PDB file of all heavy atoms in Angstrom:
ATOM      1  N   GLN A   1      32.146 -24.869  12.381  1.00  0.00           N
ATOM      2  CA  GLN A   1      32.728 -26.120  12.831  1.00  0.00           C
ATOM      3  C   GLN A   1      34.214 -26.110  12.719  1.00  0.00           C
ATOM      4  O   GLN A   1      34.780 -25.757  11.687  1.00  0.00           O
ATOM      5  CB  GLN A   1      32.100 -27.352  12.034  1.00  0.00           C
ATOM      6  CG  GLN A   1      30.621 -27.334  12.077  1.00  0.00           C
ATOM      7  CD  GLN A   1      30.037 -28.514  11.274  1.00  0.00           C
ATOM      8  OE1 GLN A   1      30.299 -29.642  11.576  1.00  0.00           O
ATOM      9  NE2 GLN A   1      29.283 -28.194  10.183  1.00  0.00           N
ATOM     10  N   GLY A   2      34.837 -26.553  13.837  1.00  0.00           N
ATOM     11  CA  GLY A   2      36.248 -26.573  13.843  1.00  0.00           C
ATOM     12  C   GLY A   2      36.803 -27.980  13.316  1.00  0.00           C
ATOM     13  O   GLY A   2      36.151 -28.736  12.684  1.00  0.00           O
ATOM     14  N   GLY A   3      38.060 -28.284  13.783  1.00  0.00           N
ATOM     15  CA  GLY A   3      38.626 -29.539  13.397  1.00  0.00           C
ATOM     16  C   GLY A   3      39.388 -29.447  12.094  1.00  0.00           C
ATOM     17  O   GLY A   3      39.388 -28.436  11.386  1.00  0.00           O
ATOM     18  N   ASN A   4      39.960 -30.583  11.689  1.00  0.00           N
ATOM     19  CA  ASN A   4      40.730 -30.651  10.526  1.00  0.00           C
ATOM     20  C   ASN A   4      39.793 -30.512   9.208  1.00  0.00           C
ATOM     21  O   ASN A   4      38.659 -30.990   9.288  1.00  0.00           O
ATOM     22  CB  ASN A   4      41.467 -31.989  10.425  1.00  0.00           C
ATOM     23  CG  ASN A   4      42.454 -32.076   9.293  1.00  0.00           C
ATOM     24  OD1 ASN A   4      42.041 -32.205   8.145  1.00  0.00           O
ATOM     25  ND2 ASN A   4      43.772 -32.048   9.669  1.00  0.00           N
ATOM     26  N   GLU A   5      40.330 -29.890   8.187  1.00  0.00           N
ATOM     27  CA  GLU A   5      39.466 -29.690   7.081  1.00  0.00           C
ATOM     28  C   GLU A   5      38.970 -31.007   6.408  1.00  0.00           C
ATOM     29  O   GLU A   5      38.092 -30.917   5.624  1.00  0.00           O
ATOM     30  CB  GLU A   5      40.191 -28.703   6.030  1.00  0.00           C
ATOM     31  CG  GLU A   5      41.405 -29.345   5.317  1.00  0.00           C
ATOM     32  CD  GLU A   5      41.930 -28.527   4.222  1.00  0.00           C
ATOM     33  OE1 GLU A   5      41.442 -27.381   3.986  1.00  0.00           O
ATOM     34  OE2 GLU A   5      42.909 -28.956   3.542  1.00  0.00           O
ATOM     35  N   SER A   6      39.722 -32.025   6.597  1.00  0.00           N
ATOM     36  CA  SER A   6      39.338 -33.237   5.964  1.00  0.00           C
ATOM     37  C   SER A   6      38.221 -34.079   6.830  1.00  0.00           C
ATOM     38  O   SER A   6      37.727 -35.100   6.364  1.00  0.00           O
ATOM     39  CB  SER A   6      40.571 -34.222   5.791  1.00  0.00           C
ATOM     40  OG  SER A   6      41.157 -34.537   7.107  1.00  0.00           O
ATOM     41  N   GLU A   7      37.986 -33.590   8.033  1.00  0.00           N
ATOM     42  CA  GLU A   7      36.987 -34.338   8.829  1.00  0.00           C
ATOM     43  C   GLU A   7      35.616 -34.018   8.274  1.00  0.00           C
ATOM     44  O   GLU A   7      35.293 -32.916   7.849  1.00  0.00           O
ATOM     45  CB  GLU A   7      37.018 -33.779  10.288  1.00  0.00           C
ATOM     46  CG  GLU A   7      38.349 -34.146  11.042  1.00  0.00           C
ATOM     47  CD  GLU A   7      38.368 -33.613  12.421  1.00  0.00           C
ATOM     48  OE1 GLU A   7      37.376 -32.991  12.871  1.00  0.00           O
ATOM     49  OE2 GLU A   7      39.463 -33.704  13.155  1.00  0.00           O
ATOM     50  N   GLU A   8      34.774 -35.153   8.371  1.00  0.00           N
ATOM     51  CA  GLU A   8      33.382 -35.034   7.912  1.00  0.00           C
ATOM     52  C   GLU A   8      32.619 -34.022   8.843  1.00  0.00           C
ATOM     53  O   GLU A   8      32.664 -34.134  10.064  1.00  0.00           O
ATOM     54  CB  GLU A   8      32.692 -36.319   7.927  1.00  0.00           C
ATOM     55  CG  GLU A   8      31.258 -36.233   7.360  1.00  0.00           C
ATOM     56  CD  GLU A   8      30.678 -37.652   7.143  1.00  0.00           C
ATOM     57  OE1 GLU A   8      31.333 -38.499   6.630  1.00  0.00           O
ATOM     58  OE2 GLU A   8      29.488 -37.796   7.538  1.00  0.00           O
ATOM     59  N   LYS A   9      31.873 -33.120   8.241  1.00  0.00           N
ATOM     60  CA  LYS A   9      31.183 -32.064   8.965  1.00  0.00           C
ATOM     61  C   LYS A   9      29.702 -32.441   9.133  1.00  0.00           C
ATOM     62  O   LYS A   9      29.181 -33.138   8.293  1.00  0.00           O
ATOM     63  CB  LYS A   9      31.333 -30.689   8.251  1.00  0.00           C
ATOM     64  CG  LYS A   9      32.725 -30.241   8.116  1.00  0.00           C
ATOM     65  CD  LYS A   9      33.449 -29.920   9.481  1.00  0.00           C
ATOM     66  CE  LYS A   9      34.854 -29.298   9.274  1.00  0.00           C
ATOM     67  NZ  LYS A   9      35.816 -30.050   8.579  1.00  0.00           N
ATOM     68  N   LYS A  10      29.156 -31.936  10.180  1.00  0.00           N
ATOM     69  CA  LYS A  10      27.706 -32.187  10.427  1.00  0.00           C
ATOM     70  C   LYS A  10      26.856 -31.028   9.579  1.00  0.00           C
ATOM     71  O   LYS A  10      27.402 -30.053   9.271  1.00  0.00           O
ATOM     72  CB  LYS A  10      27.442 -32.045  11.890  1.00  0.00           C
ATOM     73  CG  LYS A  10      28.133 -33.162  12.738  1.00  0.00           C
ATOM     74  CD  LYS A  10      27.797 -32.973  14.238  1.00  0.00           C
ATOM     75  CE  LYS A  10      28.515 -34.068  15.007  1.00  0.00           C
ATOM     76  NZ  LYS A  10      28.323 -33.900  16.412  1.00  0.00           N
ATOM     77  N   ALA A  11      25.687 -31.428   9.340  1.00  0.00           N
ATOM     78  CA  ALA A  11      24.814 -30.588   8.597  1.00  0.00           C
ATOM     79  C   ALA A  11      23.516 -30.387   9.365  1.00  0.00           C
ATOM     80  O   ALA A  11      23.069 -31.181  10.083  1.00  0.00           O
ATOM     81  CB  ALA A  11      24.466 -31.181   7.217  1.00  0.00           C
ATOM     82  N   CYS A  12      22.977 -29.110   9.260  1.00  0.00           N
ATOM     83  CA  CYS A  12      21.725 -28.783  10.026  1.00  0.00           C
ATOM     84  C   CYS A  12      20.533 -29.309   9.206  1.00  0.00           C
ATOM     85  O   CYS A  12      20.532 -29.344   7.982  1.00  0.00           O
ATOM     86  CB  CYS A  12      21.649 -27.352  10.085  1.00  0.00           C
ATOM     87  SG  CYS A  12      23.021 -26.565  11.099  1.00  0.00           S
ATOM     88  N   GLN A  13      19.538 -29.667   9.959  1.00  0.00           N
ATOM     89  CA  GLN A  13      18.262 -30.192   9.330  1.00  0.00           C
ATOM     90  C   GLN A  13      17.559 -29.073   8.661  1.00  0.00           C
ATOM     91  O   GLN A  13      17.347 -27.980   9.210  1.00  0.00           O
ATOM     92  CB  GLN A  13      17.372 -30.787  10.419  1.00  0.00           C
ATOM     93  CG  GLN A  13      17.852 -32.021  11.141  1.00  0.00           C
ATOM     94  CD  GLN A  13      17.008 -32.497  12.299  1.00  0.00           C
ATOM     95  OE1 GLN A  13      15.897 -31.977  12.513  1.00  0.00           O
ATOM     96  NE2 GLN A  13      17.450 -33.490  12.946  1.00  0.00           N
ATOM     97  N   PHE A  14      17.037 -29.424   7.474  1.00  0.00           N
ATOM     98  CA  PHE A  14      16.074 -28.538   6.790  1.00  0.00           C
ATOM     99  C   PHE A  14      14.967 -29.479   6.413  1.00  0.00           C
ATOM    100  O   PHE A  14      15.026 -30.155   5.369  1.00  0.00           O
ATOM    101  CB  PHE A  14      16.599 -27.799   5.614  1.00  0.00           C
ATOM    102  CG  PHE A  14      15.640 -26.759   5.016  1.00  0.00           C
ATOM    103  CD1 PHE A  14      15.801 -25.437   5.330  1.00  0.00           C
ATOM    104  CD2 PHE A  14      14.575 -27.189   4.230  1.00  0.00           C
ATOM    105  CE1 PHE A  14      14.909 -24.464   4.889  1.00  0.00           C
ATOM    106  CE2 PHE A  14      13.717 -26.180   3.811  1.00  0.00           C
ATOM    107  CZ  PHE A  14      13.817 -24.867   4.151  1.00  0.00           C
ATOM    108  N   LYS A  15      13.828 -29.484   7.150  1.00  0.00           N
ATOM    109  CA  LYS A  15      12.742 -30.406   6.907  1.00  0.00           C
ATOM    110  C   LYS A  15      11.749 -29.751   5.985  1.00  0.00           C
ATOM    111  O   LYS A  15      11.456 -28.612   6.016  1.00  0.00           O
ATOM    112  CB  LYS A  15      12.019 -30.731   8.242  1.00  0.00           C
ATOM    113  CG  LYS A  15      12.917 -31.402   9.195  1.00  0.00           C
ATOM    114  CD  LYS A  15      12.153 -31.667  10.562  1.00  0.00           C
ATOM    115  CE  LYS A  15      13.018 -32.363  11.582  1.00  0.00           C
ATOM    116  NZ  LYS A  15      12.304 -32.537  12.841  1.00  0.00           N
ATOM    117  N   ARG A  16      11.219 -30.570   5.026  1.00  0.00           N
ATOM    118  CA  ARG A  16      10.203 -30.026   4.022  1.00  0.00           C
ATOM    119  C   ARG A  16       8.978 -29.462   4.762  1.00  0.00           C
ATOM    120  O   ARG A  16       8.310 -28.641   4.222  1.00  0.00           O
ATOM    121  CB  ARG A  16       9.891 -31.135   3.079  1.00  0.00           C
ATOM    122  CG  ARG A  16       9.074 -32.279   3.531  1.00  0.00           C
ATOM    123  CD  ARG A  16       8.883 -33.362   2.450  1.00  0.00           C
ATOM    124  NE  ARG A  16       8.115 -32.897   1.352  1.00  0.00           N
ATOM    125  CZ  ARG A  16       7.946 -33.582   0.249  1.00  0.00           C
ATOM    126  NH1 ARG A  16       8.464 -34.775   0.141  1.00  0.00           N
ATOM    127  NH2 ARG A  16       7.162 -33.126  -0.683  1.00  0.00           N
ATOM    128  N   SER A  17       8.716 -29.959   5.983  1.00  0.00           N
ATOM    129  CA  SER A  17       7.534 -29.413   6.699  1.00  0.00           C
ATOM    130  C   SER A  17       7.691 -27.964   7.036  1.00  0.00           C
ATOM    131  O   SER A  17       6.654 -27.293   7.180  1.00  0.00           O
ATOM    132  CB  SER A  17       7.339 -30.238   8.032  1.00  0.00           C
ATOM    133  OG  SER A  17       8.485 -30.131   8.844  1.00  0.00           O
ATOM    134  N   LEU A  18       8.934 -27.409   7.047  1.00  0.00           N
ATOM    135  CA  LEU A  18       9.115 -25.993   7.225  1.00  0.00           C
ATOM    136  C   LEU A  18       8.486 -25.155   6.080  1.00  0.00           C
ATOM    137  O   LEU A  18       8.247 -23.960   6.311  1.00  0.00           O
ATOM    138  CB  LEU A  18      10.703 -25.708   7.290  1.00  0.00           C
ATOM    139  CG  LEU A  18      11.390 -26.156   8.468  1.00  0.00           C
ATOM    140  CD1 LEU A  18      12.910 -26.003   8.246  1.00  0.00           C
ATOM    141  CD2 LEU A  18      10.940 -25.539   9.760  1.00  0.00           C
ATOM    142  N   LEU A  19       8.215 -25.782   4.943  1.00  0.00           N
ATOM    143  CA  LEU A  19       7.706 -25.092   3.854  1.00  0.00           C
ATOM    144  C   LEU A  19       6.236 -25.020   3.901  1.00  0.00           C
ATOM    145  O   LEU A  19       5.569 -24.448   2.961  1.00  0.00           O
ATOM    146  CB  LEU A  19       8.187 -25.821   2.510  1.00  0.00           C
ATOM    147  CG  LEU A  19       9.606 -25.926   2.325  1.00  0.00           C
ATOM    148  CD1 LEU A  19       9.984 -26.791   1.038  1.00  0.00           C
ATOM    149  CD2 LEU A  19      10.322 -24.576   2.185  1.00  0.00           C
ATOM    150  N   GLN A  20       5.591 -25.591   4.921  1.00  0.00           N
ATOM    151  CA  GLN A  20       4.146 -25.461   5.186  1.00  0.00           C
ATOM    152  C   GLN A  20       3.309 -25.708   4.003  1.00  0.00           C
ATOM    153  O   GLN A  20       3.298 -26.823   3.500  1.00  0.00           O
ATOM    154  CB  GLN A  20       3.892 -23.999   5.807  1.00  0.00           C
ATOM    155  CG  GLN A  20       4.703 -23.805   7.096  1.00  0.00           C
ATOM    156  CD  GLN A  20       4.451 -22.445   7.715  1.00  0.00           C
ATOM    157  OE1 GLN A  20       3.315 -22.039   7.880  1.00  0.00           O
ATOM    158  NE2 GLN A  20       5.537 -21.751   8.020  1.00  0.00           N
ATOM    159  N   ASN A  21       2.555 -24.707   3.569  1.00  0.00           N
ATOM    160  CA  ASN A  21       1.658 -24.923   2.377  1.00  0.00           C
ATOM    161  C   ASN A  21       2.362 -25.345   1.076  1.00  0.00           C
ATOM    162  O   ASN A  21       1.683 -25.828   0.136  1.00  0.00           O
ATOM    163  CB  ASN A  21       0.879 -23.673   2.144  1.00  0.00           C
ATOM    164  CG  ASN A  21      -0.156 -23.338   3.258  1.00  0.00           C
ATOM    165  OD1 ASN A  21      -0.451 -24.266   4.081  1.00  0.00           O
ATOM    166  ND2 ASN A  21      -0.647 -22.169   3.361  1.00  0.00           N
ATOM    167  N   CYS A  22       3.646 -25.128   1.080  1.00  0.00           N
ATOM    168  CA  CYS A  22       4.391 -25.513  -0.097  1.00  0.00           C
ATOM    169  C   CYS A  22       5.293 -26.820   0.110  1.00  0.00           C
ATOM    170  O   CYS A  22       6.212 -27.083  -0.645  1.00  0.00           O
ATOM    171  CB  CYS A  22       5.310 -24.381  -0.589  1.00  0.00           C
ATOM    172  SG  CYS A  22       4.389 -23.122  -1.374  1.00  0.00           S
ATOM    173  N   SER A  23       4.945 -27.565   1.157  1.00  0.00           N
ATOM    174  CA  SER A  23       5.738 -28.690   1.473  1.00  0.00           C
ATOM    175  C   SER A  23       5.266 -30.007   0.709  1.00  0.00           C
ATOM    176  O   SER A  23       5.989 -30.976   0.597  1.00  0.00           O
ATOM    177  CB  SER A  23       5.599 -29.111   2.931  1.00  0.00           C
ATOM    178  OG  SER A  23       4.286 -29.435   3.298  1.00  0.00           O
ATOM    179  N   GLY A  24       4.088 -29.937   0.166  1.00  0.00           N
ATOM    180  CA  GLY A  24       3.529 -31.115  -0.570  1.00  0.00           C
ATOM    181  C   GLY A  24       3.023 -32.139   0.356  1.00  0.00           C
ATOM    182  O   GLY A  24       2.656 -33.218  -0.094  1.00  0.00           O
ATOM    183  N   ILE A  25       2.920 -31.836   1.637  1.00  0.00           N
ATOM    184  CA  ILE A  25       2.388 -32.802   2.640  1.00  0.00           C
ATOM    185  C   ILE A  25       0.879 -32.720   2.767  1.00  0.00           C
ATOM    186  O   ILE A  25       0.214 -33.673   2.527  1.00  0.00           O
ATOM    187  CB  ILE A  25       3.083 -32.508   4.039  1.00  0.00           C
ATOM    188  CG1 ILE A  25       4.588 -32.690   3.942  1.00  0.00           C
ATOM    189  CG2 ILE A  25       2.540 -33.461   5.052  1.00  0.00           C
ATOM    190  CD1 ILE A  25       5.295 -32.331   5.191  1.00  0.00           C
ATOM    191  N   GLU A  26       0.317 -31.546   3.089  1.00  0.00           N
ATOM    192  CA  GLU A  26      -1.108 -31.400   3.178  1.00  0.00           C
ATOM    193  C   GLU A  26      -1.716 -31.226   1.737  1.00  0.00           C
ATOM    194  O   GLU A  26      -2.758 -31.758   1.495  1.00  0.00           O
ATOM    195  CB  GLU A  26      -1.409 -30.159   3.990  1.00  0.00           C
ATOM    196  CG  GLU A  26      -1.089 -30.417   5.435  1.00  0.00           C
ATOM    197  CD  GLU A  26      -1.589 -29.190   6.310  1.00  0.00           C
ATOM    198  OE1 GLU A  26      -2.364 -28.387   5.816  1.00  0.00           O
ATOM    199  OE2 GLU A  26      -1.310 -29.141   7.538  1.00  0.00           O
ATOM    200  N   ASP A  27      -1.060 -30.595   0.885  1.00  0.00           N
ATOM    201  CA  ASP A  27      -1.517 -30.467  -0.511  1.00  0.00           C
ATOM    202  C   ASP A  27      -0.461 -31.068  -1.500  1.00  0.00           C
ATOM    203  O   ASP A  27       0.475 -30.413  -1.821  1.00  0.00           O
ATOM    204  CB  ASP A  27      -1.755 -28.912  -0.941  1.00  0.00           C
ATOM    205  CG  ASP A  27      -2.196 -28.748  -2.360  1.00  0.00           C
ATOM    206  OD1 ASP A  27      -2.483 -29.785  -3.041  1.00  0.00           O
ATOM    207  OD2 ASP A  27      -2.105 -27.623  -2.781  1.00  0.00           O
ATOM    208  N   PRO A  28      -0.600 -32.330  -1.827  1.00  0.00           N
ATOM    209  CA  PRO A  28       0.296 -33.012  -2.726  1.00  0.00           C
ATOM    210  C   PRO A  28       0.497 -32.421  -4.049  1.00  0.00           C
ATOM    211  O   PRO A  28       1.417 -32.714  -4.773  1.00  0.00           O
ATOM    212  CB  PRO A  28      -0.269 -34.480  -2.844  1.00  0.00           C
ATOM    213  CG  PRO A  28      -1.222 -34.564  -1.687  1.00  0.00           C
ATOM    214  CD  PRO A  28      -1.836 -33.171  -1.456  1.00  0.00           C
ATOM    215  N   THR A  29      -0.387 -31.471  -4.479  1.00  0.00           N
ATOM    216  CA  THR A  29      -0.227 -30.818  -5.806  1.00  0.00           C
ATOM    217  C   THR A  29       0.492 -29.470  -5.698  1.00  0.00           C
ATOM    218  O   THR A  29       0.603 -28.712  -6.676  1.00  0.00           O
ATOM    219  CB  THR A  29      -1.633 -30.597  -6.400  1.00  0.00           C
ATOM    220  OG1 THR A  29      -2.326 -29.519  -5.754  1.00  0.00           O
ATOM    221  CG2 THR A  29      -2.405 -31.823  -6.451  1.00  0.00           C
ATOM    222  N   PHE A  30       0.996 -29.058  -4.436  1.00  0.00           N
ATOM    223  CA  PHE A  30       1.691 -27.849  -4.295  1.00  0.00           C
ATOM    224  C   PHE A  30       0.934 -26.588  -4.864  1.00  0.00           C
ATOM    225  O   PHE A  30       1.501 -25.661  -5.327  1.00  0.00           O
ATOM    226  CB  PHE A  30       3.054 -27.913  -5.005  1.00  0.00           C
ATOM    227  CG  PHE A  30       3.951 -28.954  -4.503  1.00  0.00           C
ATOM    228  CD1 PHE A  30       4.033 -30.188  -5.100  1.00  0.00           C
ATOM    229  CD2 PHE A  30       4.811 -28.792  -3.350  1.00  0.00           C
ATOM    230  CE1 PHE A  30       4.837 -31.248  -4.555  1.00  0.00           C
ATOM    231  CE2 PHE A  30       5.569 -29.741  -2.880  1.00  0.00           C
ATOM    232  CZ  PHE A  30       5.601 -30.991  -3.417  1.00  0.00           C
ATOM    233  N   GLY A  31      -0.386 -26.630  -4.812  1.00  0.00           N
ATOM    234  CA  GLY A  31      -1.186 -25.549  -5.261  1.00  0.00           C
ATOM    235  C   GLY A  31      -1.500 -25.461  -6.743  1.00  0.00           C
ATOM    236  O   GLY A  31      -2.266 -24.628  -7.192  1.00  0.00           O
ATOM    237  N   TYR A  32      -0.807 -26.326  -7.509  1.00  0.00           N
ATOM    238  CA  TYR A  32      -0.998 -26.352  -8.987  1.00  0.00           C
ATOM    239  C   TYR A  32      -2.422 -26.606  -9.392  1.00  0.00           C
ATOM    240  O   TYR A  32      -2.944 -26.072 -10.388  1.00  0.00           O
ATOM    241  CB  TYR A  32       0.062 -27.176  -9.690  1.00  0.00           C
ATOM    242  CG  TYR A  32       1.398 -26.572  -9.657  1.00  0.00           C
ATOM    243  CD1 TYR A  32       2.189 -26.699  -8.556  1.00  0.00           C
ATOM    244  CD2 TYR A  32       1.917 -25.971 -10.791  1.00  0.00           C
ATOM    245  CE1 TYR A  32       3.493 -26.090  -8.530  1.00  0.00           C
ATOM    246  CE2 TYR A  32       3.176 -25.491 -10.823  1.00  0.00           C
ATOM    247  CZ  TYR A  32       3.992 -25.515  -9.718  1.00  0.00           C
ATOM    248  OH  TYR A  32       5.204 -25.000  -9.701  1.00  0.00           O
ATOM    249  N   SER A  33      -3.051 -27.532  -8.625  1.00  0.00           N
ATOM    250  CA  SER A  33      -4.449 -27.900  -9.019  1.00  0.00           C
ATOM    251  C   SER A  33      -5.475 -26.810  -8.751  1.00  0.00           C
ATOM    252  O   SER A  33      -6.526 -26.850  -9.202  1.00  0.00           O
ATOM    253  CB  SER A  33      -4.895 -29.176  -8.193  1.00  0.00           C
ATOM    254  OG  SER A  33      -4.871 -28.842  -6.794  1.00  0.00           O
ATOM    255  N   LYS A  34      -5.027 -25.774  -8.052  1.00  0.00           N
ATOM    256  CA  LYS A  34      -5.900 -24.638  -7.741  1.00  0.00           C
ATOM    257  C   LYS A  34      -5.444 -23.320  -8.477  1.00  0.00           C
ATOM    258  O   LYS A  34      -6.031 -22.300  -8.323  1.00  0.00           O
ATOM    259  CB  LYS A  34      -5.873 -24.335  -6.207  1.00  0.00           C
ATOM    260  CG  LYS A  34      -6.212 -25.517  -5.326  1.00  0.00           C
ATOM    261  CD  LYS A  34      -6.004 -25.205  -3.845  1.00  0.00           C
ATOM    262  CE  LYS A  34      -6.278 -26.480  -3.028  1.00  0.00           C
ATOM    263  NZ  LYS A  34      -5.955 -26.174  -1.569  1.00  0.00           N
ATOM    264  N   GLY A  35      -4.427 -23.455  -9.295  1.00  0.00           N
ATOM    265  CA  GLY A  35      -3.884 -22.234  -9.927  1.00  0.00           C
ATOM    266  C   GLY A  35      -3.110 -21.356  -9.013  1.00  0.00           C
ATOM    267  O   GLY A  35      -2.933 -20.196  -9.277  1.00  0.00           O
ATOM    268  N   GLN A  36      -2.533 -21.937  -7.924  1.00  0.00           N
ATOM    269  CA  GLN A  36      -1.760 -21.161  -6.925  1.00  0.00           C
ATOM    270  C   GLN A  36      -0.478 -21.913  -6.754  1.00  0.00           C
ATOM    271  O   GLN A  36      -0.218 -22.486  -5.646  1.00  0.00           O
ATOM    272  CB  GLN A  36      -2.548 -21.052  -5.690  1.00  0.00           C
ATOM    273  CG  GLN A  36      -3.896 -20.356  -5.743  1.00  0.00           C
ATOM    274  CD  GLN A  36      -4.659 -20.260  -4.406  1.00  0.00           C
ATOM    275  OE1 GLN A  36      -4.513 -21.168  -3.583  1.00  0.00           O
ATOM    276  NE2 GLN A  36      -5.485 -19.277  -4.296  1.00  0.00           N
ATOM    277  N   PRO A  37       0.393 -21.898  -7.693  1.00  0.00           N
ATOM    278  CA  PRO A  37       1.644 -22.729  -7.667  1.00  0.00           C
ATOM    279  C   PRO A  37       2.692 -22.248  -6.672  1.00  0.00           C
ATOM    280  O   PRO A  37       2.823 -20.984  -6.345  1.00  0.00           O
ATOM    281  CB  PRO A  37       2.108 -22.535  -9.117  1.00  0.00           C
ATOM    282  CG  PRO A  37       1.710 -21.151  -9.534  1.00  0.00           C
ATOM    283  CD  PRO A  37       0.337 -21.043  -8.911  1.00  0.00           C
ATOM    284  N   CYS A  38       3.347 -23.280  -6.125  1.00  0.00           N
ATOM    285  CA  CYS A  38       4.516 -23.068  -5.290  1.00  0.00           C
ATOM    286  C   CYS A  38       5.732 -23.229  -6.137  1.00  0.00           C
ATOM    287  O   CYS A  38       5.889 -24.104  -7.033  1.00  0.00           O
ATOM    288  CB  CYS A  38       4.569 -24.063  -4.118  1.00  0.00           C
ATOM    289  SG  CYS A  38       3.402 -23.902  -2.912  1.00  0.00           S
ATOM    290  N   ILE A  39       6.816 -22.332  -5.924  1.00  0.00           N
ATOM    291  CA  ILE A  39       8.005 -22.378  -6.534  1.00  0.00           C
ATOM    292  C   ILE A  39       9.107 -22.215  -5.505  1.00  0.00           C
ATOM    293  O   ILE A  39       8.959 -21.420  -4.552  1.00  0.00           O
ATOM    294  CB  ILE A  39       8.118 -21.304  -7.612  1.00  0.00           C
ATOM    295  CG1 ILE A  39       7.154 -21.465  -8.752  1.00  0.00           C
ATOM    296  CG2 ILE A  39       9.588 -21.247  -8.238  1.00  0.00           C
ATOM    297  CD1 ILE A  39       7.142 -20.353  -9.790  1.00  0.00           C
ATOM    298  N   LEU A  40      10.105 -23.052  -5.515  1.00  0.00           N
ATOM    299  CA  LEU A  40      11.208 -23.037  -4.548  1.00  0.00           C
ATOM    300  C   LEU A  40      12.383 -22.297  -5.104  1.00  0.00           C
ATOM    301  O   LEU A  40      12.684 -22.451  -6.319  1.00  0.00           O
ATOM    302  CB  LEU A  40      11.608 -24.477  -4.224  1.00  0.00           C
ATOM    303  CG  LEU A  40      10.474 -25.404  -3.810  1.00  0.00           C
ATOM    304  CD1 LEU A  40      11.006 -26.860  -3.560  1.00  0.00           C
ATOM    305  CD2 LEU A  40       9.743 -24.917  -2.537  1.00  0.00           C
ATOM    306  N   LEU A  41      13.070 -21.528  -4.213  1.00  0.00           N
ATOM    307  CA  LEU A  41      14.196 -20.737  -4.550  1.00  0.00           C
ATOM    308  C   LEU A  41      15.337 -21.288  -3.656  1.00  0.00           C
ATOM    309  O   LEU A  41      15.146 -21.386  -2.481  1.00  0.00           O
ATOM    310  CB  LEU A  41      13.966 -19.257  -4.346  1.00  0.00           C
ATOM    311  CG  LEU A  41      15.026 -18.312  -4.733  1.00  0.00           C
ATOM    312  CD1 LEU A  41      15.019 -18.170  -6.221  1.00  0.00           C
ATOM    313  CD2 LEU A  41      14.889 -16.989  -4.090  1.00  0.00           C
ATOM    314  N   LYS A  42      16.528 -21.472  -4.304  1.00  0.00           N
ATOM    315  CA  LYS A  42      17.730 -21.779  -3.540  1.00  0.00           C
ATOM    316  C   LYS A  42      18.906 -21.038  -4.066  1.00  0.00           C
ATOM    317  O   LYS A  42      18.998 -20.713  -5.248  1.00  0.00           O
ATOM    318  CB  LYS A  42      17.954 -23.347  -3.593  1.00  0.00           C
ATOM    319  CG  LYS A  42      18.531 -23.883  -4.889  1.00  0.00           C
ATOM    320  CD  LYS A  42      18.652 -25.374  -4.761  1.00  0.00           C
ATOM    321  CE  LYS A  42      19.545 -25.934  -5.845  1.00  0.00           C
ATOM    322  NZ  LYS A  42      21.018 -25.537  -5.755  1.00  0.00           N
ATOM    323  N   MET A  43      19.780 -20.775  -3.083  1.00  0.00           N
ATOM    324  CA  MET A  43      21.001 -20.068  -3.401  1.00  0.00           C
ATOM    325  C   MET A  43      22.081 -21.102  -3.880  1.00  0.00           C
ATOM    326  O   MET A  43      22.084 -22.225  -3.230  1.00  0.00           O
ATOM    327  CB  MET A  43      21.542 -19.330  -2.205  1.00  0.00           C
ATOM    328  CG  MET A  43      20.895 -17.938  -1.928  1.00  0.00           C
ATOM    329  SD  MET A  43      21.905 -16.992  -0.810  1.00  0.00           S
ATOM    330  CE  MET A  43      21.350 -17.533   0.754  1.00  0.00           C
ATOM    331  N   ASN A  44      22.893 -20.733  -4.868  1.00  0.00           N
ATOM    332  CA  ASN A  44      23.946 -21.590  -5.243  1.00  0.00           C
ATOM    333  C   ASN A  44      24.993 -21.742  -4.035  1.00  0.00           C
ATOM    334  O   ASN A  44      25.200 -20.767  -3.305  1.00  0.00           O
ATOM    335  CB  ASN A  44      24.729 -21.021  -6.396  1.00  0.00           C
ATOM    336  CG  ASN A  44      23.795 -21.055  -7.664  1.00  0.00           C
ATOM    337  OD1 ASN A  44      22.787 -21.776  -7.712  1.00  0.00           O
ATOM    338  ND2 ASN A  44      24.221 -20.259  -8.670  1.00  0.00           N
ATOM    339  N   ARG A  45      25.589 -22.916  -3.994  1.00  0.00           N
ATOM    340  CA  ARG A  45      26.572 -23.191  -2.899  1.00  0.00           C
ATOM    341  C   ARG A  45      27.908 -22.510  -3.119  1.00  0.00           C
ATOM    342  O   ARG A  45      28.459 -22.679  -4.262  1.00  0.00           O
ATOM    343  CB  ARG A  45      26.789 -24.591  -2.629  1.00  0.00           C
ATOM    344  CG  ARG A  45      25.486 -25.379  -2.298  1.00  0.00           C
ATOM    345  CD  ARG A  45      25.696 -26.826  -2.159  1.00  0.00           C
ATOM    346  NE  ARG A  45      24.513 -27.643  -1.896  1.00  0.00           N
ATOM    347  CZ  ARG A  45      24.461 -28.943  -1.761  1.00  0.00           C
ATOM    348  NH1 ARG A  45      25.610 -29.595  -1.831  1.00  0.00           N
ATOM    349  NH2 ARG A  45      23.292 -29.561  -1.529  1.00  0.00           N
TER     350      ARG A  45
END
């Protein structure tokens, strides 16, 4: 993104539905109730 460094920048969508079986949408327990846990990994900014 160009423009002045002080201008507010736009951000790209990251929807939790992209996480599929680990989204907590279809399985609200994230697999923990079945002994198949989901863990999320993120990079530091």
